[in-house]
Amino acid sequence: MKKQGIFPGILFIGVGAYFLLQQFDLPFANQLLTWPSILLIIGIAFLFQSYLGHDSGAIFPGALLLGLGVHFHAIVMFSGWPQHWAMFTLIVGLAFMLLYFRTKRDGLVPAIILFIVSGFGFFSSDLMKWLGSFLDVFEGFWPLLLIALGLYLIFRKK
């Protein structure tokens, strides 16, 4: 049975804590009390609704908003955090994977596809460099490969 009061309750607690912390002059508050924190609060509220309220429909937006909030905070806090477009497909893929783990029926195929797209996004420049150097080795041999393929097609037994 779904409990409907969890999402607004957690949301009010999170927003209240956000504004309460703004009133104090804490040294770390300037870094944490920014717009990505609102994404974190809403994402956490959705996740609480999903797990405590037994509402599997809230897990995807919760994981997505939480992931985006963490990503945007990490960009500011950690200098080595990737700012590549593939982070967004990775976050959406993680949200789909979390949905799959929760429901055991939805989200596995989109998660795998988005993980593959993210992998190509992160490693495409290195992959293309490696592929180019690999193909440079065979540049002089490709006519021989075409001849061998043609001979194979002519003389193969059917």
N, C-alpha and C. Protein backbone atom coordinates (compact mmCIF):
# COMPACT_ATOMS: atom_id res chain seq x y z
N MET A 1 0.83 -1.18 0.00
CA MET A 1 0.00 0.00 0.00
C MET A 1 0.88 1.24 0.00
N LYS A 2 0.61 2.15 -0.91
CA LYS A 2 1.41 3.35 -1.04
C LYS A 2 1.06 4.36 0.05
N LYS A 3 2.10 4.92 0.64
CA LYS A 3 1.92 6.00 1.62
C LYS A 3 2.17 7.31 0.88
N GLN A 4 1.21 8.19 0.89
CA GLN A 4 1.29 9.40 0.08
C GLN A 4 1.96 10.58 0.79
N GLY A 5 2.09 10.56 2.10
CA GLY A 5 2.62 11.72 2.81
C GLY A 5 4.13 11.78 2.91
N ILE A 6 4.81 10.77 2.43
CA ILE A 6 6.26 10.73 2.59
C ILE A 6 6.96 11.77 1.73
N PHE A 7 6.59 11.84 0.45
CA PHE A 7 7.26 12.79 -0.45
C PHE A 7 7.11 14.24 0.02
N PRO A 8 5.90 14.72 0.27
CA PRO A 8 5.82 16.12 0.72
C PRO A 8 6.46 16.33 2.08
N GLY A 9 6.40 15.32 2.97
CA GLY A 9 7.03 15.47 4.28
C GLY A 9 8.54 15.63 4.17
N ILE A 10 9.18 14.76 3.40
CA ILE A 10 10.63 14.85 3.21
C ILE A 10 10.99 16.14 2.47
N LEU A 11 10.17 16.52 1.51
CA LEU A 11 10.42 17.75 0.77
C LEU A 11 10.37 18.97 1.69
N PHE A 12 9.38 19.05 2.56
CA PHE A 12 9.29 20.17 3.50
C PHE A 12 10.46 20.16 4.48
N ILE A 13 10.84 18.99 4.97
CA ILE A 13 11.98 18.91 5.87
C ILE A 13 13.25 19.37 5.17
N GLY A 14 13.47 18.91 3.94
CA GLY A 14 14.67 19.29 3.19
C GLY A 14 14.72 20.77 2.86
N VAL A 15 13.62 21.32 2.40
CA VAL A 15 13.60 22.75 2.06
C VAL A 15 13.73 23.58 3.32
N GLY A 16 13.09 23.15 4.41
CA GLY A 16 13.24 23.87 5.68
C GLY A 16 14.67 23.85 6.18
N ALA A 17 15.33 22.70 6.09
CA ALA A 17 16.74 22.61 6.50
C ALA A 17 17.63 23.47 5.60
N TYR A 18 17.30 23.52 4.32
CA TYR A 18 18.06 24.34 3.36
C TYR A 18 18.01 25.82 3.77
N PHE A 19 16.80 26.32 4.05
CA PHE A 19 16.66 27.73 4.42
C PHE A 19 17.17 28.00 5.83
N LEU A 20 17.07 27.03 6.73
CA LEU A 20 17.62 27.20 8.07
C LEU A 20 19.14 27.31 8.02
N LEU A 21 19.79 26.47 7.22
CA LEU A 21 21.24 26.54 7.09
C LEU A 21 21.69 27.84 6.44
N GLN A 22 20.86 28.41 5.58
CA GLN A 22 21.21 29.70 4.96
C GLN A 22 21.27 30.82 5.99
N GLN A 23 20.51 30.69 7.08
CA GLN A 23 20.50 31.72 8.12
C GLN A 23 21.76 31.73 8.97
N PHE A 24 22.45 30.61 9.03
CA PHE A 24 23.69 30.53 9.80
C PHE A 24 24.87 30.82 8.89
N ASP A 25 25.91 31.38 9.46
CA ASP A 25 27.11 31.71 8.68
C ASP A 25 28.13 30.58 8.83
N LEU A 26 27.81 29.44 8.21
CA LEU A 26 28.70 28.29 8.27
C LEU A 26 29.70 28.37 7.12
N PRO A 27 30.94 27.93 7.34
CA PRO A 27 31.96 28.07 6.28
C PRO A 27 31.67 27.23 5.04
N PHE A 28 31.07 26.08 5.18
CA PHE A 28 30.81 25.22 4.03
C PHE A 28 29.45 25.49 3.39
N ALA A 29 28.65 26.33 4.01
CA ALA A 29 27.28 26.54 3.55
C ALA A 29 27.22 27.19 2.16
N ASN A 30 28.16 28.06 1.85
CA ASN A 30 28.13 28.72 0.54
C ASN A 30 28.29 27.73 -0.60
N GLN A 31 29.08 26.69 -0.37
CA GLN A 31 29.27 25.68 -1.41
C GLN A 31 28.08 24.73 -1.51
N LEU A 32 27.45 24.44 -0.39
CA LEU A 32 26.37 23.46 -0.39
C LEU A 32 25.00 24.06 -0.66
N LEU A 33 24.80 25.29 -0.32
CA LEU A 33 23.48 25.90 -0.45
C LEU A 33 23.35 26.62 -1.79
N THR A 34 23.38 25.83 -2.84
CA THR A 34 23.22 26.34 -4.20
C THR A 34 22.08 25.57 -4.86
N TRP A 35 21.80 25.89 -6.10
CA TRP A 35 20.66 25.26 -6.79
C TRP A 35 20.79 23.74 -6.94
N PRO A 36 22.00 23.16 -7.07
CA PRO A 36 22.04 21.69 -7.12
C PRO A 36 21.54 21.02 -5.83
N SER A 37 21.60 21.76 -4.71
CA SER A 37 21.08 21.20 -3.47
C SER A 37 19.57 21.00 -3.53
N ILE A 38 18.89 21.87 -4.26
CA ILE A 38 17.44 21.70 -4.44
C ILE A 38 17.18 20.40 -5.21
N LEU A 39 18.02 20.11 -6.23
CA LEU A 39 17.88 18.84 -6.95
C LEU A 39 18.10 17.66 -6.00
N LEU A 40 19.10 17.77 -5.13
CA LEU A 40 19.36 16.71 -4.16
C LEU A 40 18.17 16.50 -3.23
N ILE A 41 17.60 17.58 -2.73
CA ILE A 41 16.48 17.48 -1.80
C ILE A 41 15.28 16.81 -2.47
N ILE A 42 14.96 17.25 -3.68
CA ILE A 42 13.81 16.67 -4.38
C ILE A 42 14.09 15.21 -4.73
N GLY A 43 15.31 14.91 -5.17
CA GLY A 43 15.67 13.52 -5.47
C GLY A 43 15.59 12.62 -4.26
N ILE A 44 16.07 13.09 -3.12
CA ILE A 44 16.00 12.30 -1.89
C ILE A 44 14.55 12.10 -1.47
N ALA A 45 13.72 13.14 -1.64
CA ALA A 45 12.30 13.00 -1.31
C ALA A 45 11.64 11.94 -2.18
N PHE A 46 11.95 11.93 -3.48
CA PHE A 46 11.40 10.90 -4.36
C PHE A 46 11.88 9.50 -3.95
N LEU A 47 13.15 9.37 -3.59
CA LEU A 47 13.67 8.06 -3.20
C LEU A 47 13.04 7.57 -1.89
N PHE A 48 12.84 8.48 -0.94
CA PHE A 48 12.14 8.09 0.28
C PHE A 48 10.72 7.65 -0.04
N GLN A 49 10.06 8.38 -0.95
CA GLN A 49 8.71 8.00 -1.36
C GLN A 49 8.73 6.61 -1.99
N SER A 50 9.75 6.34 -2.77
CA SER A 50 9.84 5.05 -3.44
C SER A 50 10.04 3.90 -2.46
N TYR A 51 10.98 4.07 -1.54
CA TYR A 51 11.33 2.96 -0.66
C TYR A 51 10.42 2.86 0.56
N LEU A 52 10.13 3.98 1.21
CA LEU A 52 9.27 3.91 2.40
C LEU A 52 7.79 3.86 2.04
N GLY A 53 7.43 4.49 0.93
CA GLY A 53 6.04 4.51 0.52
C GLY A 53 5.67 3.41 -0.45
N HIS A 54 6.62 2.55 -0.77
CA HIS A 54 6.39 1.42 -1.69
C HIS A 54 5.81 1.91 -3.02
N ASP A 55 6.42 2.95 -3.56
CA ASP A 55 5.97 3.55 -4.81
C ASP A 55 7.12 3.46 -5.81
N SER A 56 7.14 2.40 -6.61
CA SER A 56 8.26 2.20 -7.53
C SER A 56 8.28 3.24 -8.65
N GLY A 57 7.19 3.96 -8.87
CA GLY A 57 7.18 5.00 -9.89
C GLY A 57 8.00 6.23 -9.51
N ALA A 58 8.35 6.35 -8.24
CA ALA A 58 9.12 7.52 -7.79
C ALA A 58 10.62 7.28 -7.83
N ILE A 59 11.04 6.06 -8.11
CA ILE A 59 12.48 5.77 -8.04
C ILE A 59 13.26 6.40 -9.19
N PHE A 60 12.70 6.38 -10.39
CA PHE A 60 13.44 6.94 -11.53
C PHE A 60 13.67 8.44 -11.39
N PRO A 61 12.62 9.25 -11.13
CA PRO A 61 12.91 10.69 -10.97
C PRO A 61 13.79 10.97 -9.76
N GLY A 62 13.65 10.16 -8.70
CA GLY A 62 14.50 10.37 -7.53
C GLY A 62 15.96 10.13 -7.84
N ALA A 63 16.25 9.01 -8.50
CA ALA A 63 17.64 8.69 -8.84
C ALA A 63 18.20 9.70 -9.84
N LEU A 64 17.38 10.12 -10.79
CA LEU A 64 17.83 11.09 -11.79
C LEU A 64 18.16 12.43 -11.15
N LEU A 65 17.28 12.95 -10.32
CA LEU A 65 17.53 14.25 -9.69
C LEU A 65 18.67 14.18 -8.69
N LEU A 66 18.75 13.09 -7.95
CA LEU A 66 19.86 12.93 -7.02
C LEU A 66 21.19 12.86 -7.78
N GLY A 67 21.22 12.10 -8.86
CA GLY A 67 22.44 12.00 -9.66
C GLY A 67 22.86 13.33 -10.26
N LEU A 68 21.89 14.08 -10.78
CA LEU A 68 22.22 15.40 -11.33
C LEU A 68 22.71 16.35 -10.25
N GLY A 69 22.08 16.31 -9.08
CA GLY A 69 22.53 17.16 -7.98
C GLY A 69 23.94 16.84 -7.54
N VAL A 70 24.24 15.54 -7.42
CA VAL A 70 25.59 15.13 -7.04
C VAL A 70 26.58 15.55 -8.12
N HIS A 71 26.22 15.37 -9.38
CA HIS A 71 27.12 15.74 -10.48
C HIS A 71 27.44 17.23 -10.47
N PHE A 72 26.42 18.07 -10.34
CA PHE A 72 26.67 19.51 -10.38
C PHE A 72 27.42 20.00 -9.14
N HIS A 73 27.20 19.37 -8.00
CA HIS A 73 28.01 19.71 -6.83
C HIS A 73 29.45 19.25 -7.02
N ALA A 74 29.64 18.07 -7.57
CA ALA A 74 30.98 17.51 -7.73
C ALA A 74 31.81 18.32 -8.73
N ILE A 75 31.16 18.90 -9.74
CA ILE A 75 31.89 19.74 -10.69
C ILE A 75 32.57 20.90 -9.97
N VAL A 76 31.86 21.48 -9.01
CA VAL A 76 32.40 22.62 -8.27
C VAL A 76 33.41 22.18 -7.22
N MET A 77 33.16 21.07 -6.57
CA MET A 77 33.98 20.67 -5.43
C MET A 77 35.25 19.92 -5.82
N PHE A 78 35.22 19.15 -6.90
CA PHE A 78 36.37 18.32 -7.28
C PHE A 78 36.87 18.75 -8.65
N SER A 79 38.13 19.12 -8.73
CA SER A 79 38.67 19.62 -9.99
C SER A 79 38.77 18.55 -11.06
N GLY A 80 38.91 17.29 -10.67
CA GLY A 80 39.05 16.23 -11.66
C GLY A 80 37.74 15.59 -12.09
N TRP A 81 36.62 16.12 -11.61
CA TRP A 81 35.33 15.52 -11.95
C TRP A 81 35.04 15.72 -13.43
N PRO A 82 34.63 14.67 -14.14
CA PRO A 82 34.39 14.81 -15.59
C PRO A 82 33.20 15.71 -15.89
N GLN A 83 33.41 16.60 -16.85
CA GLN A 83 32.35 17.51 -17.29
C GLN A 83 31.88 17.14 -18.69
N HIS A 84 32.06 15.91 -19.05
CA HIS A 84 31.74 15.40 -20.37
C HIS A 84 30.24 15.15 -20.49
N TRP A 85 29.70 15.24 -21.71
CA TRP A 85 28.27 14.99 -21.93
C TRP A 85 27.88 13.56 -21.55
N ALA A 86 28.84 12.65 -21.58
CA ALA A 86 28.54 11.26 -21.27
C ALA A 86 28.15 11.06 -19.80
N MET A 87 28.45 12.04 -18.95
CA MET A 87 28.00 11.95 -17.55
C MET A 87 26.48 11.95 -17.47
N PHE A 88 25.83 12.70 -18.33
CA PHE A 88 24.37 12.77 -18.29
C PHE A 88 23.74 11.44 -18.72
N THR A 89 24.29 10.82 -19.76
CA THR A 89 23.76 9.52 -20.16
C THR A 89 24.07 8.45 -19.10
N LEU A 90 25.21 8.60 -18.43
CA LEU A 90 25.55 7.68 -17.35
C LEU A 90 24.58 7.82 -16.18
N ILE A 91 24.23 9.06 -15.82
CA ILE A 91 23.30 9.29 -14.72
C ILE A 91 21.92 8.74 -15.05
N VAL A 92 21.45 8.96 -16.28
CA VAL A 92 20.15 8.42 -16.68
C VAL A 92 20.21 6.89 -16.71
N GLY A 93 21.32 6.34 -17.17
CA GLY A 93 21.49 4.88 -17.17
C GLY A 93 21.46 4.32 -15.75
N LEU A 94 22.10 5.01 -14.81
CA LEU A 94 22.07 4.57 -13.42
C LEU A 94 20.66 4.63 -12.85
N ALA A 95 19.90 5.66 -13.24
CA ALA A 95 18.51 5.76 -12.78
C ALA A 95 17.68 4.60 -13.32
N PHE A 96 17.88 4.25 -14.59
CA PHE A 96 17.18 3.10 -15.16
C PHE A 96 17.60 1.80 -14.47
N MET A 97 18.89 1.68 -14.16
CA MET A 97 19.37 0.46 -13.49
C MET A 97 18.77 0.35 -12.08
N LEU A 98 18.68 1.46 -11.37
CA LEU A 98 18.06 1.44 -10.05
C LEU A 98 16.58 1.07 -10.15
N LEU A 99 15.91 1.56 -11.19
CA LEU A 99 14.52 1.18 -11.43
C LEU A 99 14.42 -0.32 -11.69
N TYR A 100 15.34 -0.86 -12.45
CA TYR A 100 15.33 -2.30 -12.72
C TYR A 100 15.55 -3.10 -11.44
N PHE A 101 16.50 -2.67 -10.60
CA PHE A 101 16.76 -3.40 -9.36
C PHE A 101 15.55 -3.36 -8.43
N ARG A 102 14.79 -2.28 -8.51
CA ARG A 102 13.60 -2.14 -7.65
C ARG A 102 12.41 -2.96 -8.17
N THR A 103 12.20 -2.92 -9.50
CA THR A 103 11.00 -3.56 -10.06
C THR A 103 11.26 -4.94 -10.64
N LYS A 104 12.50 -5.24 -10.98
CA LYS A 104 12.90 -6.51 -11.63
C LYS A 104 12.21 -6.72 -12.98
N ARG A 105 11.72 -5.64 -13.60
CA ARG A 105 11.09 -5.81 -14.91
C ARG A 105 11.35 -4.63 -15.84
N ASP A 106 11.49 -3.44 -15.34
CA ASP A 106 11.61 -2.26 -16.19
C ASP A 106 13.01 -1.66 -16.09
N GLY A 107 13.55 -1.22 -17.23
CA GLY A 107 14.74 -0.39 -17.22
C GLY A 107 16.06 -1.05 -17.55
N LEU A 108 16.13 -2.36 -17.66
CA LEU A 108 17.43 -3.00 -17.89
C LEU A 108 17.99 -2.68 -19.27
N VAL A 109 17.18 -2.81 -20.31
CA VAL A 109 17.67 -2.56 -21.68
C VAL A 109 18.07 -1.10 -21.87
N PRO A 110 17.24 -0.12 -21.45
CA PRO A 110 17.71 1.27 -21.59
C PRO A 110 18.98 1.56 -20.79
N ALA A 111 19.10 0.93 -19.61
CA ALA A 111 20.30 1.14 -18.80
C ALA A 111 21.54 0.64 -19.53
N ILE A 112 21.47 -0.55 -20.11
CA ILE A 112 22.62 -1.11 -20.82
C ILE A 112 22.97 -0.24 -22.02
N ILE A 113 21.96 0.18 -22.78
CA ILE A 113 22.20 1.03 -23.95
C ILE A 113 22.86 2.34 -23.53
N LEU A 114 22.36 2.96 -22.47
CA LEU A 114 22.94 4.23 -22.02
C LEU A 114 24.34 4.05 -21.46
N PHE A 115 24.62 2.92 -20.81
CA PHE A 115 25.98 2.65 -20.35
C PHE A 115 26.94 2.50 -21.53
N ILE A 116 26.49 1.85 -22.58
CA ILE A 116 27.32 1.70 -23.78
C ILE A 116 27.57 3.05 -24.42
N VAL A 117 26.53 3.86 -24.54
CA VAL A 117 26.68 5.21 -25.11
C VAL A 117 27.64 6.03 -24.26
N SER A 118 27.52 5.93 -22.94
CA SER A 118 28.43 6.66 -22.05
C SER A 118 29.87 6.19 -22.22
N GLY A 119 30.03 4.88 -22.32
CA GLY A 119 31.38 4.35 -22.52
C GLY A 119 32.00 4.86 -23.80
N PHE A 120 31.22 4.85 -24.89
CA PHE A 120 31.74 5.41 -26.14
C PHE A 120 32.02 6.89 -26.00
N GLY A 121 31.17 7.59 -25.26
CA GLY A 121 31.37 9.03 -25.07
C GLY A 121 32.65 9.33 -24.30
N PHE A 122 32.87 8.58 -23.23
CA PHE A 122 34.06 8.82 -22.42
C PHE A 122 35.35 8.41 -23.13
N PHE A 123 35.29 7.31 -23.86
CA PHE A 123 36.51 6.74 -24.41
C PHE A 123 36.62 6.86 -25.92
N SER A 124 35.73 7.64 -26.55
CA SER A 124 35.73 7.70 -28.01
C SER A 124 37.00 8.31 -28.58
N SER A 125 37.52 9.35 -27.97
CA SER A 125 38.73 9.97 -28.52
C SER A 125 39.91 9.01 -28.42
N ASP A 126 40.05 8.33 -27.29
CA ASP A 126 41.13 7.34 -27.14
C ASP A 126 40.91 6.15 -28.06
N LEU A 127 39.66 5.73 -28.20
CA LEU A 127 39.34 4.59 -29.06
C LEU A 127 39.65 4.92 -30.51
N MET A 128 39.31 6.11 -30.95
CA MET A 128 39.57 6.50 -32.34
C MET A 128 41.07 6.63 -32.60
N LYS A 129 41.82 7.12 -31.64
CA LYS A 129 43.27 7.19 -31.80
C LYS A 129 43.86 5.79 -31.92
N TRP A 130 43.42 4.88 -31.06
CA TRP A 130 43.91 3.51 -31.10
C TRP A 130 43.52 2.83 -32.40
N LEU A 131 42.26 3.00 -32.82
CA LEU A 131 41.81 2.40 -34.05
C LEU A 131 42.57 2.96 -35.26
N GLY A 132 42.83 4.26 -35.25
CA GLY A 132 43.61 4.87 -36.34
C GLY A 132 45.02 4.32 -36.40
N SER A 133 45.68 4.16 -35.26
CA SER A 133 47.04 3.61 -35.27
C SER A 133 47.02 2.14 -35.67
N PHE A 134 45.98 1.41 -35.30
CA PHE A 134 45.85 0.01 -35.70
C PHE A 134 45.66 -0.10 -37.21
N LEU A 135 44.83 0.77 -37.78
CA LEU A 135 44.57 0.72 -39.21
C LEU A 135 45.76 1.22 -40.03
N ASP A 136 46.59 2.09 -39.46
CA ASP A 136 47.79 2.55 -40.15
C ASP A 136 48.73 1.39 -40.46
N VAL A 137 48.77 0.41 -39.58
CA VAL A 137 49.63 -0.75 -39.78
C VAL A 137 49.17 -1.54 -41.01
N PHE A 138 47.88 -1.66 -41.20
CA PHE A 138 47.33 -2.46 -42.29
C PHE A 138 47.00 -1.65 -43.54
N GLU A 139 47.39 -0.39 -43.58
CA GLU A 139 47.05 0.46 -44.71
C GLU A 139 47.61 -0.09 -46.03
N GLY A 140 48.81 -0.60 -46.02
CA GLY A 140 49.40 -1.14 -47.23
C GLY A 140 48.91 -2.53 -47.59
N PHE A 141 48.28 -3.20 -46.63
CA PHE A 141 47.86 -4.58 -46.86
C PHE A 141 46.39 -4.73 -47.25
N TRP A 142 45.60 -3.67 -47.20
CA TRP A 142 44.18 -3.85 -47.44
C TRP A 142 43.86 -4.33 -48.85
N PRO A 143 44.63 -3.96 -49.90
CA PRO A 143 44.32 -4.56 -51.21
C PRO A 143 44.52 -6.08 -51.21
N LEU A 144 45.55 -6.54 -50.48
CA LEU A 144 45.77 -7.99 -50.39
C LEU A 144 44.62 -8.68 -49.64
N LEU A 145 44.08 -8.00 -48.64
CA LEU A 145 42.94 -8.57 -47.92
C LEU A 145 41.72 -8.66 -48.83
N LEU A 146 41.51 -7.66 -49.68
CA LEU A 146 40.39 -7.70 -50.63
C LEU A 146 40.57 -8.83 -51.64
N ILE A 147 41.80 -9.02 -52.12
CA ILE A 147 42.08 -10.10 -53.07
C ILE A 147 41.83 -11.46 -52.40
N ALA A 148 42.30 -11.61 -51.18
CA ALA A 148 42.10 -12.87 -50.46
C ALA A 148 40.62 -13.13 -50.23
N LEU A 149 39.86 -12.11 -49.88
CA LEU A 149 38.42 -12.27 -49.70
C LEU A 149 37.74 -12.66 -51.00
N GLY A 150 38.13 -12.03 -52.09
CA GLY A 150 37.57 -12.39 -53.39
C GLY A 150 37.88 -13.83 -53.77
N LEU A 151 39.13 -14.28 -53.58
CA LEU A 151 39.50 -15.66 -53.88
C LEU A 151 38.72 -16.65 -53.01
N TYR A 152 38.53 -16.27 -51.75
CA TYR A 152 37.76 -17.13 -50.86
C TYR A 152 36.32 -17.27 -51.37
N LEU A 153 35.72 -16.16 -51.76
CA LEU A 153 34.34 -16.21 -52.24
C LEU A 153 34.21 -17.00 -53.54
N ILE A 154 35.21 -16.96 -54.37
CA ILE A 154 35.15 -17.70 -55.65
C ILE A 154 35.33 -19.19 -55.43
N PHE A 155 36.29 -19.58 -54.61
CA PHE A 155 36.65 -20.99 -54.48
C PHE A 155 36.06 -21.72 -53.27
N ARG A 156 35.25 -21.07 -52.53
CA ARG A 156 34.66 -21.77 -51.37
C ARG A 156 33.67 -22.82 -51.84
N LYS A 157 33.54 -23.83 -51.06
CA LYS A 157 32.60 -24.91 -51.40
C LYS A 157 31.24 -24.57 -50.82
N LYS A 158 30.24 -24.76 -51.65
CA LYS A 158 28.89 -24.41 -51.25
C LYS A 158 28.17 -25.56 -50.62
